[in-house]
Structure formats: structure tokens, C-alpha cells
């Protein structure tokens, strides 16, 4: 697992998702996926990686905001539970 301060790129996420999906296909004993399937996998991995990246960005911003409030002693119960 990477540290929270390290950055992860969409390209890395996309490559990981792509690998995982191709692994699933090989588990179904499909030796070589068709061009259509490969295109679909690329499309899905791109969409997933962009969504995941934006969601991670939101979470890190929220965590940074809570940390900042904790340092200032202004953290509310609601922000601490986030």
C-alpha cells in the first residue's frame, strides 16, 4: 500500500485495472480476447481510473481539511467522523 502523500497517476490506475480485467478474462479460459473486448477493457479502465482518481482527490482534500482543523483545535464531531 502506498503512503497517502505519494501521488498515483491515472495511467498507473488504468494499467492496474487493465491487468485485472485481462486476468479475469484469462480465468474464463479465453486465450486471446477479441479486439472488441480489448477496446471495451481499455474504455472501462480509462473511465474507472478517472472516477477513482477524482474520488481519491476528494477524500484527500477532506482528510487534509480535517487534519488542519485538528491542528487548530477547531475540529467538530461531524468533520472528525468523515
PDB file of N, CA and C in Angstrom:
ATOM      1  N   UNK A   1       0.844  -1.186   0.000  1.00  0.00           N
ATOM      2  CA  UNK A   1       0.000   0.000   0.000  1.00  0.00           C
ATOM      3  C   UNK A   1       0.883   1.240   0.000  1.00  0.00           C
ATOM      4  N   UNK A   2       0.525   2.219  -0.790  1.00  0.00           N
ATOM      5  CA  UNK A   2       1.308   3.428  -0.888  1.00  0.00           C
ATOM      6  C   UNK A   2       0.925   4.399   0.216  1.00  0.00           C
ATOM      7  N   UNK A   3       1.875   5.281   0.539  1.00  0.00           N
ATOM      8  CA  UNK A   3       1.591   6.311   1.525  1.00  0.00           C
ATOM      9  C   UNK A   3       0.600   7.296   0.939  1.00  0.00           C
ATOM     10  N   UNK A   4      -0.146   7.960   1.803  1.00  0.00           N
ATOM     11  CA  UNK A   4      -1.151   8.911   1.342  1.00  0.00           C
ATOM     12  C   UNK A   4      -0.516  10.108   0.648  1.00  0.00           C
ATOM     13  N   UNK A   5       0.721  10.452   1.019  1.00  0.00           N
ATOM     14  CA  UNK A   5       1.361  11.614   0.427  1.00  0.00           C
ATOM     15  C   UNK A   5       1.905  11.331  -0.968  1.00  0.00           C
ATOM     16  N   UNK A   6       2.078  10.056  -1.323  1.00  0.00           N
ATOM     17  CA  UNK A   6       2.573   9.719  -2.647  1.00  0.00           C
ATOM     18  C   UNK A   6       1.447   9.879  -3.662  1.00  0.00           C
ATOM     19  N   UNK A   7       1.834  10.312  -4.847  1.00  0.00           N
ATOM     20  CA  UNK A   7       0.830  10.533  -5.888  1.00  0.00           C
ATOM     21  C   UNK A   7       0.707   9.298  -6.755  1.00  0.00           C
ATOM     22  N   UNK A   8      -0.498   9.040  -7.176  1.00  0.00           N
ATOM     23  CA  UNK A   8      -0.757   7.945  -8.102  1.00  0.00           C
ATOM     24  C   UNK A   8      -1.390   8.556  -9.347  1.00  0.00           C
ATOM     25  N   UNK A   9      -0.957   8.098 -10.479  1.00  0.00           N
ATOM     26  CA  UNK A   9      -1.441   8.685 -11.726  1.00  0.00           C
ATOM     27  C   UNK A   9      -2.579   7.860 -12.306  1.00  0.00           C
ATOM     28  N   UNK A  10      -3.332   8.498 -13.168  1.00  0.00           N
ATOM     29  CA  UNK A  10      -4.414   7.786 -13.854  1.00  0.00           C
ATOM     30  C   UNK A  10      -3.843   6.652 -14.685  1.00  0.00           C
ATOM     31  N   UNK A  11      -2.672   6.898 -15.245  1.00  0.00           N
ATOM     32  CA  UNK A  11      -2.037   5.882 -16.086  1.00  0.00           C
ATOM     33  C   UNK A  11      -1.742   4.620 -15.274  1.00  0.00           C
ATOM     34  N   UNK A  12      -1.266   4.789 -14.038  1.00  0.00           N
ATOM     35  CA  UNK A  12      -0.992   3.638 -13.169  1.00  0.00           C
ATOM     36  C   UNK A  12      -2.281   2.912 -12.809  1.00  0.00           C
ATOM     37  N   UNK A  13      -3.302   3.671 -12.481  1.00  0.00           N
ATOM     38  CA  UNK A  13      -4.596   3.067 -12.148  1.00  0.00           C
ATOM     39  C   UNK A  13      -5.128   2.306 -13.353  1.00  0.00           C
ATOM     40  N   UNK A  14      -5.067   2.949 -14.524  1.00  0.00           N
ATOM     41  CA  UNK A  14      -5.570   2.334 -15.748  1.00  0.00           C
ATOM     42  C   UNK A  14      -4.834   1.033 -16.047  1.00  0.00           C
ATOM     43  N   UNK A  15      -3.515   1.041 -15.875  1.00  0.00           N
ATOM     44  CA  UNK A  15      -2.727  -0.161 -16.144  1.00  0.00           C
ATOM     45  C   UNK A  15      -3.117  -1.290 -15.193  1.00  0.00           C
ATOM     46  N   UNK A  16      -3.316  -0.962 -13.928  1.00  0.00           N
ATOM     47  CA  UNK A  16      -3.698  -1.965 -12.936  1.00  0.00           C
ATOM     48  C   UNK A  16      -5.076  -2.543 -13.239  1.00  0.00           C
ATOM     49  N   UNK A  17      -6.028  -1.673 -13.557  1.00  0.00           N
ATOM     50  CA  UNK A  17      -7.382  -2.127 -13.881  1.00  0.00           C
ATOM     51  C   UNK A  17      -7.358  -2.979 -15.138  1.00  0.00           C
ATOM     52  N   UNK A  18      -6.602  -2.530 -16.125  1.00  0.00           N
ATOM     53  CA  UNK A  18      -6.481  -3.263 -17.378  1.00  0.00           C
ATOM     54  C   UNK A  18      -5.931  -4.665 -17.127  1.00  0.00           C
ATOM     55  N   UNK A  19      -4.881  -4.746 -16.323  1.00  0.00           N
ATOM     56  CA  UNK A  19      -4.292  -6.048 -15.968  1.00  0.00           C
ATOM     57  C   UNK A  19      -5.313  -6.936 -15.277  1.00  0.00           C
ATOM     58  N   UNK A  20      -6.038  -6.357 -14.333  1.00  0.00           N
ATOM     59  CA  UNK A  20      -7.029  -7.121 -13.577  1.00  0.00           C
ATOM     60  C   UNK A  20      -8.124  -7.671 -14.479  1.00  0.00           C
ATOM     61  N   UNK A  21      -8.632  -6.829 -15.355  1.00  0.00           N
ATOM     62  CA  UNK A  21      -9.697  -7.272 -16.257  1.00  0.00           C
ATOM     63  C   UNK A  21      -9.204  -8.350 -17.217  1.00  0.00           C
ATOM     64  N   UNK A  22      -7.992  -8.191 -17.718  1.00  0.00           N
ATOM     65  CA  UNK A  22      -7.439  -9.225 -18.596  1.00  0.00           C
ATOM     66  C   UNK A  22      -7.221 -10.523 -17.820  1.00  0.00           C
ATOM     67  N   UNK A  23      -6.870 -10.404 -16.537  1.00  0.00           N
ATOM     68  CA  UNK A  23      -6.731 -11.585 -15.684  1.00  0.00           C
ATOM     69  C   UNK A  23      -8.050 -12.315 -15.520  1.00  0.00           C
ATOM     70  N   UNK A  24      -9.124 -11.554 -15.362  1.00  0.00           N
ATOM     71  CA  UNK A  24     -10.459 -12.151 -15.242  1.00  0.00           C
ATOM     72  C   UNK A  24     -10.807 -12.906 -16.518  1.00  0.00           C
ATOM     73  N   UNK A  25     -10.505 -12.301 -17.640  1.00  0.00           N
ATOM     74  CA  UNK A  25     -10.804 -12.951 -18.922  1.00  0.00           C
ATOM     75  C   UNK A  25     -10.021 -14.249 -19.064  1.00  0.00           C
ATOM     76  N   UNK A  26      -8.760 -14.244 -18.667  1.00  0.00           N
ATOM     77  CA  UNK A  26      -7.969 -15.482 -18.765  1.00  0.00           C
ATOM     78  C   UNK A  26      -8.481 -16.536 -17.794  1.00  0.00           C
ATOM     79  N   UNK A  27      -9.059 -16.118 -16.668  1.00  0.00           N
ATOM     80  CA  UNK A  27      -9.652 -17.080 -15.732  1.00  0.00           C
ATOM     81  C   UNK A  27     -10.844 -17.798 -16.350  1.00  0.00           C
ATOM     82  N   UNK A  28     -11.490 -17.154 -17.304  1.00  0.00           N
ATOM     83  CA  UNK A  28     -12.595 -17.795 -18.009  1.00  0.00           C
ATOM     84  C   UNK A  28     -12.105 -18.606 -19.200  1.00  0.00           C
ATOM     85  N   UNK A  29     -10.803 -18.828 -19.235  1.00  0.00           N
ATOM     86  CA  UNK A  29     -10.155 -19.669 -20.247  1.00  0.00           C
ATOM     87  C   UNK A  29     -10.348 -19.151 -21.667  1.00  0.00           C
ATOM     88  N   UNK A  30     -10.379 -17.837 -21.794  1.00  0.00           N
ATOM     89  CA  UNK A  30     -10.392 -17.226 -23.119  1.00  0.00           C
ATOM     90  C   UNK A  30      -8.938 -16.895 -23.417  1.00  0.00           C
ATOM     91  N   UNK A  31      -8.364 -17.605 -24.380  1.00  0.00           N
ATOM     92  CA  UNK A  31      -6.932 -17.459 -24.624  1.00  0.00           C
ATOM     93  C   UNK A  31      -6.565 -16.068 -25.135  1.00  0.00           C
ATOM     94  N   UNK A  32      -7.287 -15.583 -26.103  1.00  0.00           N
ATOM     95  CA  UNK A  32      -6.995 -14.265 -26.667  1.00  0.00           C
ATOM     96  C   UNK A  32      -8.297 -13.499 -26.842  1.00  0.00           C
ATOM     97  N   UNK A  33      -8.501 -12.426 -26.061  1.00  0.00           N
ATOM     98  CA  UNK A  33      -9.736 -11.657 -26.214  1.00  0.00           C
ATOM     99  C   UNK A  33      -9.793 -10.972 -27.580  1.00  0.00           C
ATOM    100  N   UNK A  34     -10.987 -10.772 -28.069  1.00  0.00           N
ATOM    101  CA  UNK A  34     -11.171 -10.127 -29.371  1.00  0.00           C
ATOM    102  C   UNK A  34     -10.810  -8.642 -29.286  1.00  0.00           C
ATOM    103  N   UNK A  35     -10.701  -8.013 -30.446  1.00  0.00           N
ATOM    104  CA  UNK A  35     -10.397  -6.580 -30.492  1.00  0.00           C
ATOM    105  C   UNK A  35     -11.490  -5.779 -29.792  1.00  0.00           C
ATOM    106  N   UNK A  36     -12.715  -6.211 -29.983  1.00  0.00           N
ATOM    107  CA  UNK A  36     -13.852  -5.535 -29.364  1.00  0.00           C
ATOM    108  C   UNK A  36     -13.749  -5.600 -27.834  1.00  0.00           C
ATOM    109  N   UNK A  37     -13.378  -6.771 -27.325  1.00  0.00           N
ATOM    110  CA  UNK A  37     -13.228  -6.947 -25.882  1.00  0.00           C
ATOM    111  C   UNK A  37     -12.074  -6.101 -25.357  1.00  0.00           C
ATOM    112  N   UNK A  38     -10.974  -6.072 -26.086  1.00  0.00           N
ATOM    113  CA  UNK A  38      -9.827  -5.254 -25.672  1.00  0.00           C
ATOM    114  C   UNK A  38     -10.198  -3.773 -25.636  1.00  0.00           C
ATOM    115  N   UNK A  39     -10.954  -3.313 -26.642  1.00  0.00           N
ATOM    116  CA  UNK A  39     -11.401  -1.920 -26.666  1.00  0.00           C
ATOM    117  C   UNK A  39     -12.292  -1.618 -25.469  1.00  0.00           C
ATOM    118  N   UNK A  40     -13.187  -2.548 -25.171  1.00  0.00           N
ATOM    119  CA  UNK A  40     -14.084  -2.375 -24.034  1.00  0.00           C
ATOM    120  C   UNK A  40     -13.294  -2.302 -22.733  1.00  0.00           C
ATOM    121  N   UNK A  41     -12.302  -3.165 -22.590  1.00  0.00           N
ATOM    122  CA  UNK A  41     -11.464  -3.162 -21.388  1.00  0.00           C
ATOM    123  C   UNK A  41     -10.727  -1.833 -21.261  1.00  0.00           C
ATOM    124  N   UNK A  42     -10.177  -1.339 -22.362  1.00  0.00           N
ATOM    125  CA  UNK A  42      -9.491  -0.047 -22.331  1.00  0.00           C
ATOM    126  C   UNK A  42     -10.443   1.075 -21.937  1.00  0.00           C
ATOM    127  N   UNK A  43     -11.640   1.057 -22.515  1.00  0.00           N
ATOM    128  CA  UNK A  43     -12.637   2.089 -22.224  1.00  0.00           C
ATOM    129  C   UNK A  43     -13.049   2.052 -20.747  1.00  0.00           C
ATOM    130  N   UNK A  44     -13.302   0.856 -20.243  1.00  0.00           N
ATOM    131  CA  UNK A  44     -13.709   0.700 -18.846  1.00  0.00           C
ATOM    132  C   UNK A  44     -12.588   1.126 -17.908  1.00  0.00           C
ATOM    133  N   UNK A  45     -11.359   0.715 -18.208  1.00  0.00           N
ATOM    134  CA  UNK A  45     -10.251   1.063 -17.321  1.00  0.00           C
ATOM    135  C   UNK A  45      -9.994   2.566 -17.319  1.00  0.00           C
ATOM    136  N   UNK A  46     -10.160   3.234 -18.462  1.00  0.00           N
ATOM    137  CA  UNK A  46      -9.999   4.692 -18.512  1.00  0.00           C
ATOM    138  C   UNK A  46     -11.064   5.376 -17.665  1.00  0.00           C
ATOM    139  N   UNK A  47     -12.302   4.958 -17.841  1.00  0.00           N
ATOM    140  CA  UNK A  47     -13.412   5.561 -17.090  1.00  0.00           C
ATOM    141  C   UNK A  47     -13.243   5.320 -15.590  1.00  0.00           C
ATOM    142  N   UNK A  48     -12.909   4.080 -15.237  1.00  0.00           N
ATOM    143  CA  UNK A  48     -12.740   3.729 -13.834  1.00  0.00           C
ATOM    144  C   UNK A  48     -11.594   4.512 -13.210  1.00  0.00           C
ATOM    145  N   UNK A  49     -10.481   4.612 -13.923  1.00  0.00           N
ATOM    146  CA  UNK A  49      -9.323   5.308 -13.368  1.00  0.00           C
ATOM    147  C   UNK A  49      -9.607   6.788 -13.160  1.00  0.00           C
ATOM    148  N   UNK A  50     -10.328   7.414 -14.083  1.00  0.00           N
ATOM    149  CA  UNK A  50     -10.640   8.831 -13.900  1.00  0.00           C
ATOM    150  C   UNK A  50     -11.598   9.037 -12.730  1.00  0.00           C
ATOM    151  N   UNK A  51     -12.589   8.166 -12.605  1.00  0.00           N
ATOM    152  CA  UNK A  51     -13.529   8.261 -11.479  1.00  0.00           C
ATOM    153  C   UNK A  51     -12.820   8.024 -10.148  1.00  0.00           C
ATOM    154  N   UNK A  52     -11.969   7.006 -10.109  1.00  0.00           N
ATOM    155  CA  UNK A  52     -11.237   6.689  -8.884  1.00  0.00           C
ATOM    156  C   UNK A  52     -10.297   7.819  -8.508  1.00  0.00           C
ATOM    157  N   UNK A  53      -9.606   8.371  -9.475  1.00  0.00           N
ATOM    158  CA  UNK A  53      -8.676   9.468  -9.227  1.00  0.00           C
ATOM    159  C   UNK A  53      -9.410  10.667  -8.642  1.00  0.00           C
ATOM    160  N   UNK A  54     -10.555  11.024  -9.210  1.00  0.00           N
ATOM    161  CA  UNK A  54     -11.302  12.172  -8.697  1.00  0.00           C
ATOM    162  C   UNK A  54     -11.843  11.895  -7.299  1.00  0.00           C
ATOM    163  N   UNK A  55     -12.275  10.668  -7.059  1.00  0.00           N
ATOM    164  CA  UNK A  55     -12.785  10.306  -5.734  1.00  0.00           C
ATOM    165  C   UNK A  55     -11.662  10.342  -4.692  1.00  0.00           C
ATOM    166  N   UNK A  56     -10.499   9.836  -5.053  1.00  0.00           N
ATOM    167  CA  UNK A  56      -9.349   9.884  -4.145  1.00  0.00           C
ATOM    168  C   UNK A  56      -8.955  11.323  -3.844  1.00  0.00           C
ATOM    169  N   UNK A  57      -9.010  12.163  -4.855  1.00  0.00           N
ATOM    170  CA  UNK A  57      -8.682  13.572  -4.681  1.00  0.00           C
ATOM    171  C   UNK A  57      -9.616  14.215  -3.656  1.00  0.00           C
ATOM    172  N   UNK A  58     -10.917  13.923  -3.786  1.00  0.00           N
ATOM    173  CA  UNK A  58     -11.903  14.460  -2.848  1.00  0.00           C
ATOM    174  C   UNK A  58     -11.613  13.989  -1.429  1.00  0.00           C
ATOM    175  N   UNK A  59     -11.311  12.692  -1.291  1.00  0.00           N
ATOM    176  CA  UNK A  59     -11.046  12.135   0.032  1.00  0.00           C
ATOM    177  C   UNK A  59      -9.801  12.756   0.665  1.00  0.00           C
ATOM    178  N   UNK A  60      -8.744  12.944  -0.131  1.00  0.00           N
ATOM    179  CA  UNK A  60      -7.522  13.547   0.398  1.00  0.00           C
ATOM    180  C   UNK A  60      -7.756  14.992   0.808  1.00  0.00           C
ATOM    181  N   UNK A  61      -8.562  15.725   0.031  1.00  0.00           N
ATOM    182  CA  UNK A  61      -8.886  17.100   0.402  1.00  0.00           C
ATOM    183  C   UNK A  61      -9.646  17.129   1.722  1.00  0.00           C
ATOM    184  N   UNK A  62     -10.601  16.207   1.856  1.00  0.00           N
ATOM    185  CA  UNK A  62     -11.398  16.136   3.076  1.00  0.00           C
ATOM    186  C   UNK A  62     -10.506  15.792   4.274  1.00  0.00           C
ATOM    187  N   UNK A  63      -9.591  14.832   4.077  1.00  0.00           N
ATOM    188  CA  UNK A  63      -8.677  14.440   5.156  1.00  0.00           C
ATOM    189  C   UNK A  63      -7.751  15.594   5.529  1.00  0.00           C
ATOM    190  N   UNK A  64      -7.275  16.337   4.540  1.00  0.00           N
ATOM    191  CA  UNK A  64      -6.393  17.470   4.803  1.00  0.00           C
ATOM    192  C   UNK A  64      -7.133  18.554   5.574  1.00  0.00           C
ATOM    193  N   UNK A  65      -8.387  18.773   5.208  1.00  0.00           N
ATOM    194  CA  UNK A  65      -9.199  19.783   5.883  1.00  0.00           C
ATOM    195  C   UNK A  65      -9.414  19.398   7.347  1.00  0.00           C
ATOM    196  N   UNK A  66      -9.731  18.135   7.592  1.00  0.00           N
ATOM    197  CA  UNK A  66      -9.940  17.654   8.958  1.00  0.00           C
ATOM    198  C   UNK A  66      -8.646  17.770   9.745  1.00  0.00           C
ATOM    199  N   UNK A  67      -7.531  17.395   9.144  1.00  0.00           N
ATOM    200  CA  UNK A  67      -6.238  17.483   9.821  1.00  0.00           C
ATOM    201  C   UNK A  67      -5.914  18.923  10.186  1.00  0.00           C
ATOM    202  N   UNK A  68      -6.213  19.832   9.271  1.00  0.00           N
ATOM    203  CA  UNK A  68      -5.957  21.249   9.519  1.00  0.00           C
ATOM    204  C   UNK A  68      -6.788  21.738  10.699  1.00  0.00           C
ATOM    205  N   UNK A  69      -8.057  21.326  10.738  1.00  0.00           N
ATOM    206  CA  UNK A  69      -8.936  21.719  11.840  1.00  0.00           C
ATOM    207  C   UNK A  69      -8.465  21.112  13.156  1.00  0.00           C
ATOM    208  N   UNK A  70      -7.968  19.882  13.116  1.00  0.00           N
ATOM    209  CA  UNK A  70      -7.468  19.238  14.331  1.00  0.00           C
ATOM    210  C   UNK A  70      -6.264  19.993  14.870  1.00  0.00           C
ATOM    211  N   UNK A  71      -5.392  20.442  13.981  1.00  0.00           N
ATOM    212  CA  UNK A  71      -4.213  21.195  14.401  1.00  0.00           C
ATOM    213  C   UNK A  71      -4.600  22.521  15.035  1.00  0.00           C
ATOM    214  N   UNK A  72      -5.644  23.125  14.527  1.00  0.00           N
ATOM    215  CA  UNK A  72      -6.107  24.402  15.063  1.00  0.00           C
ATOM    216  C   UNK A  72      -7.041  24.220  16.252  1.00  0.00           C
ATOM    217  N   UNK A  73      -7.389  22.980  16.565  1.00  0.00           N
ATOM    218  CA  UNK A  73      -8.290  22.712  17.679  1.00  0.00           C
ATOM    219  C   UNK A  73      -9.728  23.064  17.384  1.00  0.00           C
ATOM    220  N   UNK A  74     -10.082  23.123  16.111  1.00  0.00           N
ATOM    221  CA  UNK A  74     -11.434  23.522  15.730  1.00  0.00           C
ATOM    222  C   UNK A  74     -12.230  22.377  15.130  1.00  0.00           C
ATOM    223  N   UNK A  75     -11.780  21.176  15.297  1.00  0.00           N
ATOM    224  CA  UNK A  75     -12.450  20.037  14.663  1.00  0.00           C
ATOM    225  C   UNK A  75     -13.788  19.764  15.339  1.00  0.00           C
ATOM    226  N   UNK A  76     -14.807  19.620  14.534  1.00  0.00           N
ATOM    227  CA  UNK A  76     -16.121  19.290  15.063  1.00  0.00           C
ATOM    228  C   UNK A  76     -16.313  17.782  15.018  1.00  0.00           C
ATOM    229  N   UNK A  77     -17.307  17.302  15.712  1.00  0.00           N
ATOM    230  CA  UNK A  77     -17.590  15.863  15.700  1.00  0.00           C
ATOM    231  C   UNK A  77     -17.917  15.393  14.297  1.00  0.00           C
ATOM    232  N   UNK A  78     -18.636  16.209  13.546  1.00  0.00           N
ATOM    233  CA  UNK A  78     -19.033  15.834  12.193  1.00  0.00           C
ATOM    234  C   UNK A  78     -17.814  15.675  11.287  1.00  0.00           C
ATOM    235  N   UNK A  79     -16.873  16.593  11.331  1.00  0.00           N
ATOM    236  CA  UNK A  79     -15.701  16.506  10.462  1.00  0.00           C
ATOM    237  C   UNK A  79     -14.764  15.395  10.898  1.00  0.00           C
ATOM    238  N   UNK A  80     -14.724  15.091  12.184  1.00  0.00           N
ATOM    239  CA  UNK A  80     -13.859  14.009  12.658  1.00  0.00           C
ATOM    240  C   UNK A  80     -14.384  12.646  12.254  1.00  0.00           C
ATOM    241  N   UNK A  81     -15.687  12.527  12.090  1.00  0.00           N
ATOM    242  CA  UNK A  81     -16.256  11.237  11.706  1.00  0.00           C
ATOM    243  C   UNK A  81     -16.138  10.983  10.211  1.00  0.00           C
ATOM    244  N   UNK A  82     -15.753  11.965   9.433  1.00  0.00           N
ATOM    245  CA  UNK A  82     -15.646  11.822   7.970  1.00  0.00           C
ATOM    246  C   UNK A  82     -14.494  10.947   7.563  1.00  0.00           C
TER     247      UNK A  82
END
